[in-house]
Amino acid sequence: MPRDAKHYQLSLPLQVPTPSPPSPSGEGGQLRRVVLGGQLCHFRLRRARRRTIGFQVDDRGLTVSAPKWVSLREIEEAIVEKERWIRSKLAQWQEWRARHGANRLRWVEGAALPYLGEALTLRFRAVDGVAAARVARELHLALPAGSSETEVRAVAQDWLRHEALRILGERVNVLATRGAVRPFSWRLSSARTQWGSCNEDGRIRLNWRLVFFPIPVIDYVVAHELAHLTELNHGRRFWQEVERLLPEFRSARDQIKDEELAALPL
């Protein structure tokens, strides 16, 4: 599985037909099946306003997005046509689950939540006026015993995102003062494919999941994106700018380069 990849996508172009009645309703989002290589393959069919048939393989399996006017037979024929690609990506996801499935976080009291390179133990405790609060090496959640994992995850994630906004904001301010950078803005990202990004308009996005990592790693990603304000590439001058902003960046870069976003618990 490619590093930091959350899903695989492929679009198959179609010839746009003359207007015709849409196919029967009720097909969108349904779980269906087709025979590939002599074996049943389940897929989710999603009807969408698009001009192509799109294939996506992720942790839910195969999802097929198709225009409303395309018949089920045409969709199944398109799946068979892309059988090799689909089976390859499904196999890669099975391999990924085998590697990472045992490490997935259970959202229950006593679980260990990664935070700034360490771990916070989740506890269901009364918290004055807030939904969650850090107390030493514990994260206290204002939840009753027996709360569902969905509820626990929602409260913990909300706290983590607020922490990310605070901590990443502090690091951006510190590193931006180390050099002359052009005006920029930044915001949190929830991307499953990259730790950060910077476009030519000076808009930086930083993945909130960086809050799982130690400050030196956070600083490296921040410096990386700030360097893109002057060099929108990864050439020699870009890395010189990264080193100017963060001389000790190399060890942090080595620490995060093999991390998979898709393997993180949130």
Protein backbone atom coordinates (compact mmCIF):
# COMPACT_ATOMS: atom_id res chain seq x y z
CA MET A 1 0.00 0.00 0.00
CA PRO A 2 1.48 3.39 -0.93
CA ARG A 3 2.62 5.47 2.02
CA ASP A 4 -0.07 7.76 3.50
CA ALA A 5 -2.69 6.47 1.05
CA LYS A 6 -6.22 6.22 2.35
CA HIS A 7 -7.87 4.95 -0.78
CA TYR A 8 -7.34 4.16 -4.42
CA GLN A 9 -9.43 5.79 -7.14
CA LEU A 10 -9.86 5.17 -10.82
CA SER A 11 -12.29 6.80 -13.21
CA LEU A 12 -13.42 5.21 -16.43
CA PRO A 13 -14.53 7.76 -19.07
CA LEU A 14 -17.87 7.24 -20.71
CA GLN A 15 -19.45 8.46 -23.90
CA VAL A 16 -22.25 10.82 -22.84
CA PRO A 17 -25.51 9.52 -24.37
CA THR A 18 -28.46 11.44 -25.64
CA PRO A 19 -30.96 12.25 -22.85
CA SER A 20 -32.83 9.18 -21.65
CA PRO A 21 -34.91 8.24 -18.63
CA PRO A 22 -32.84 7.57 -15.50
CA SER A 23 -32.39 4.03 -14.30
CA PRO A 24 -34.70 2.81 -11.53
CA SER A 25 -34.22 4.50 -8.17
CA GLY A 26 -33.22 2.69 -5.03
CA GLU A 27 -29.81 1.56 -6.30
CA GLY A 28 -27.69 4.26 -4.68
CA GLY A 29 -25.60 3.05 -1.75
CA GLN A 30 -26.81 -0.53 -1.99
CA LEU A 31 -24.48 -3.45 -1.41
CA ARG A 32 -24.23 -5.50 -4.59
CA ARG A 33 -22.06 -8.29 -5.92
CA VAL A 34 -20.37 -9.35 -9.12
CA VAL A 35 -18.25 -12.34 -10.08
CA LEU A 36 -14.55 -11.58 -10.56
CA GLY A 37 -12.16 -14.36 -11.39
CA GLY A 38 -14.70 -16.97 -10.40
CA GLN A 39 -15.26 -15.41 -6.98
CA LEU A 40 -18.01 -13.17 -5.65
CA CYS A 41 -16.92 -9.55 -5.13
CA HIS A 42 -19.17 -7.28 -3.08
CA PHE A 43 -19.32 -3.58 -3.90
CA ARG A 44 -21.32 -0.53 -2.93
CA LEU A 45 -23.07 1.28 -5.74
CA ARG A 46 -23.43 5.02 -5.36
CA ARG A 47 -25.32 7.08 -7.91
CA ALA A 48 -23.71 10.47 -8.43
CA ARG A 49 -23.85 13.51 -10.66
CA ARG A 50 -20.80 12.72 -12.75
CA ARG A 51 -19.83 11.83 -16.31
CA THR A 52 -17.71 8.77 -15.55
CA ILE A 53 -17.83 5.51 -13.68
CA GLY A 54 -15.47 5.82 -10.72
CA PHE A 55 -13.93 3.05 -8.65
CA GLN A 56 -12.66 3.50 -5.09
CA VAL A 57 -11.03 0.87 -2.90
CA ASP A 58 -10.60 1.72 0.77
CA ASP A 59 -11.15 0.16 4.19
CA ARG A 60 -14.82 -0.44 3.33
CA GLY A 61 -14.02 -2.41 0.20
CA LEU A 62 -14.99 -1.48 -3.35
CA THR A 63 -17.29 1.48 -4.01
CA VAL A 64 -18.52 2.23 -7.52
CA SER A 65 -19.87 5.70 -8.34
CA ALA A 66 -21.83 5.99 -11.55
CA PRO A 67 -24.16 8.43 -13.35
CA LYS A 68 -27.86 7.76 -12.89
CA TRP A 69 -28.38 6.96 -16.55
CA VAL A 70 -25.88 4.07 -16.62
CA SER A 71 -27.51 0.64 -16.32
CA LEU A 72 -26.44 -2.03 -13.83
CA ARG A 73 -25.29 -4.21 -16.71
CA GLU A 74 -22.96 -1.47 -17.98
CA ILE A 75 -21.61 -0.96 -14.47
CA GLU A 76 -20.90 -4.66 -14.03
CA GLU A 77 -19.20 -4.76 -17.44
CA ALA A 78 -17.00 -1.83 -16.38
CA ILE A 79 -16.07 -3.63 -13.16
CA VAL A 80 -15.09 -6.77 -15.09
CA GLU A 81 -13.05 -4.62 -17.48
CA LYS A 82 -11.05 -3.23 -14.53
CA GLU A 83 -10.89 -6.58 -12.74
CA ARG A 84 -7.09 -6.72 -12.51
CA TRP A 85 -6.83 -3.23 -10.97
CA ILE A 86 -9.68 -3.86 -8.52
CA ARG A 87 -8.41 -7.26 -7.35
CA SER A 88 -4.90 -5.85 -6.91
CA LYS A 89 -6.08 -2.99 -4.70
CA LEU A 90 -8.40 -5.23 -2.66
CA ALA A 91 -5.47 -7.58 -2.03
CA GLN A 92 -3.32 -4.66 -0.89
CA TRP A 93 -6.00 -3.59 1.57
CA GLN A 94 -6.26 -7.11 2.98
CA GLU A 95 -2.51 -7.08 3.53
CA TRP A 96 -2.75 -3.67 5.21
CA ARG A 97 -5.51 -4.88 7.56
CA ALA A 98 -3.40 -7.88 8.52
CA ARG A 99 -0.51 -5.56 9.46
CA HIS A 100 -2.47 -2.88 11.31
CA GLY A 101 -5.75 -4.41 12.45
CA ALA A 102 -4.44 -5.56 15.81
CA ASN A 103 -3.17 -2.06 16.62
CA ARG A 104 -6.46 -0.21 16.14
CA LEU A 105 -7.52 1.81 19.17
CA ARG A 106 -10.61 0.72 21.06
CA TRP A 107 -12.56 3.70 22.36
CA VAL A 108 -13.14 2.48 25.90
CA GLU A 109 -12.11 3.60 29.36
CA GLY A 110 -8.48 2.76 30.01
CA ALA A 111 -7.42 2.95 26.36
CA ALA A 112 -4.17 4.75 25.53
CA LEU A 113 -4.55 7.75 23.22
CA PRO A 114 -1.39 9.03 21.46
CA TYR A 115 -0.62 12.67 22.25
CA LEU A 116 2.61 14.59 21.55
CA GLY A 117 4.61 11.37 21.30
CA GLU A 118 3.33 9.94 24.58
CA ALA A 119 0.02 8.43 25.64
CA LEU A 120 -2.98 9.67 27.59
CA THR A 121 -5.19 7.15 29.36
CA LEU A 122 -8.89 7.67 28.73
CA ARG A 123 -10.95 8.04 31.90
CA PHE A 124 -14.65 8.68 32.39
CA ARG A 125 -14.59 11.37 35.07
CA ALA A 126 -16.60 14.47 35.86
CA VAL A 127 -15.02 17.55 34.30
CA ASP A 128 -15.98 21.04 35.46
CA GLY A 129 -17.77 22.85 32.65
CA VAL A 130 -16.00 21.10 29.76
CA ALA A 131 -16.45 17.86 27.86
CA ALA A 132 -12.80 16.81 28.18
CA ALA A 133 -9.70 17.87 30.09
CA ARG A 134 -6.16 16.63 30.43
CA VAL A 135 -5.10 15.73 33.97
CA ALA A 136 -1.45 14.67 34.15
CA ARG A 137 -1.23 11.66 31.82
CA GLU A 138 -4.96 11.07 31.66
CA LEU A 139 -7.68 12.50 29.46
CA HIS A 140 -10.83 12.89 31.50
CA LEU A 141 -14.04 12.69 29.51
CA ALA A 142 -17.35 13.86 30.94
CA LEU A 143 -19.10 10.65 29.92
CA PRO A 144 -21.08 8.09 31.90
CA ALA A 145 -19.86 4.53 32.32
CA GLY A 146 -21.00 2.35 29.49
CA SER A 147 -20.79 5.08 26.84
CA SER A 148 -20.51 3.73 23.32
CA GLU A 149 -17.22 3.78 21.44
CA THR A 150 -18.80 6.22 19.00
CA GLU A 151 -19.51 8.68 21.82
CA VAL A 152 -16.05 8.28 23.34
CA ARG A 153 -14.36 8.78 20.00
CA ALA A 154 -16.39 11.91 19.22
CA VAL A 155 -15.52 13.63 22.53
CA ALA A 156 -11.84 12.63 22.43
CA GLN A 157 -11.47 13.69 18.81
CA ASP A 158 -13.05 17.07 19.47
CA TRP A 159 -10.54 17.66 22.28
CA LEU A 160 -7.63 16.57 20.08
CA ARG A 161 -8.66 18.92 17.28
CA HIS A 162 -8.82 21.85 19.70
CA GLU A 163 -5.37 20.89 21.00
CA ALA A 164 -4.08 20.69 17.45
CA LEU A 165 -5.37 24.16 16.68
CA ARG A 166 -3.63 25.55 19.75
CA ILE A 167 -0.33 23.67 19.47
CA LEU A 168 0.12 23.92 15.71
CA GLY A 169 -0.75 27.61 15.89
CA GLU A 170 1.99 28.15 18.45
CA ARG A 171 4.56 26.30 16.33
CA VAL A 172 3.59 28.19 13.18
CA ASN A 173 4.08 31.49 14.99
CA VAL A 174 7.47 30.43 16.36
CA LEU A 175 8.89 29.13 13.08
CA ALA A 176 7.47 31.92 10.90
CA THR A 177 9.51 34.47 12.88
CA ARG A 178 12.77 32.73 11.93
CA GLY A 179 12.73 33.96 8.38
CA ALA A 180 11.22 36.43 5.98
CA VAL A 181 8.15 34.65 4.62
CA ARG A 182 5.48 36.20 2.47
CA PRO A 183 1.96 36.63 3.88
CA PHE A 184 0.17 33.36 4.45
CA SER A 185 -2.80 31.83 6.21
CA TRP A 186 -3.18 28.39 7.73
CA ARG A 187 -5.90 26.04 8.86
CA LEU A 188 -6.35 22.49 10.08
CA SER A 189 -6.75 19.65 7.62
CA SER A 190 -8.43 16.26 7.99
CA ALA A 191 -6.74 14.77 4.92
CA ARG A 192 -5.88 11.08 4.90
CA THR A 193 -3.24 11.48 2.22
CA GLN A 194 -0.80 14.14 3.47
CA TRP A 195 0.53 15.72 6.64
CA GLY A 196 0.48 19.23 5.21
CA SER A 197 0.14 21.28 2.05
CA CYS A 198 0.86 24.78 0.76
CA ASN A 199 -0.45 26.31 -2.44
CA GLU A 200 0.87 29.19 -4.48
CA ASP A 201 -1.60 31.60 -2.85
CA GLY A 202 0.06 31.11 0.55
CA ARG A 203 -2.65 28.91 2.06
CA ILE A 204 -1.17 26.28 4.34
CA ARG A 205 -3.02 23.26 5.69
CA LEU A 206 -1.71 21.14 8.55
CA ASN A 207 -3.17 17.78 9.47
CA TRP A 208 -4.68 17.87 12.94
CA ARG A 209 -3.39 14.32 13.55
CA LEU A 210 0.10 15.80 13.90
CA VAL A 211 -0.89 16.33 17.54
CA PHE A 212 -0.12 12.63 18.04
CA PHE A 213 3.60 13.31 17.44
CA PRO A 214 6.36 15.00 19.47
CA ILE A 215 6.96 18.72 18.98
CA PRO A 216 10.12 18.21 16.84
CA VAL A 217 8.06 16.24 14.31
CA ILE A 218 5.35 18.90 14.30
CA ASP A 219 8.02 21.55 13.78
CA TYR A 220 9.41 19.68 10.79
CA VAL A 221 6.05 19.53 9.01
CA VAL A 222 5.40 23.21 9.80
CA ALA A 223 8.85 24.22 8.53
CA HIS A 224 8.33 22.09 5.43
CA GLU A 225 5.14 23.95 4.51
CA LEU A 226 6.56 27.37 5.41
CA ALA A 227 9.50 26.66 3.10
CA HIS A 228 7.02 26.13 0.28
CA LEU A 229 6.04 29.78 0.58
CA THR A 230 9.30 30.59 -1.18
CA GLU A 231 10.00 27.33 -3.04
CA LEU A 232 7.04 25.41 -4.46
CA ASN A 233 9.17 22.34 -5.15
CA HIS A 234 11.54 19.98 -3.37
CA GLY A 235 14.76 21.13 -4.95
CA ARG A 236 18.03 22.12 -3.32
CA ARG A 237 16.92 25.64 -2.41
CA PHE A 238 13.77 24.26 -0.81
CA TRP A 239 15.75 22.06 1.58
CA GLN A 240 18.10 24.94 2.30
CA GLU A 241 15.07 26.98 3.38
CA VAL A 242 13.80 24.12 5.57
CA GLU A 243 17.23 23.95 7.24
CA ARG A 244 17.26 27.70 7.78
CA LEU A 245 13.90 27.50 9.54
CA LEU A 246 14.71 24.30 11.42
CA PRO A 247 18.42 23.30 11.44
CA GLU A 248 17.72 20.01 13.23
CA PHE A 249 14.97 18.88 10.84
CA ARG A 250 16.55 15.64 9.56
CA SER A 251 15.87 13.35 12.52
CA ALA A 252 12.24 14.48 12.66
CA ARG A 253 11.87 13.95 8.92
CA ASP A 254 13.19 10.40 9.30
CA GLN A 255 10.76 9.76 12.15
CA ILE A 256 7.62 10.68 10.24
CA LYS A 257 8.45 9.63 6.69
CA ASP A 258 7.46 6.01 7.29
CA GLU A 259 4.29 6.79 9.25
CA GLU A 260 1.04 5.90 7.51
CA LEU A 261 -1.86 8.30 8.04
CA ALA A 262 -4.28 5.48 7.35
CA ALA A 263 -2.79 3.50 10.25
CA LEU A 264 -3.56 6.19 12.86
CA PRO A 265 -6.51 5.59 15.21
CA LEU A 266 -8.45 8.67 14.04
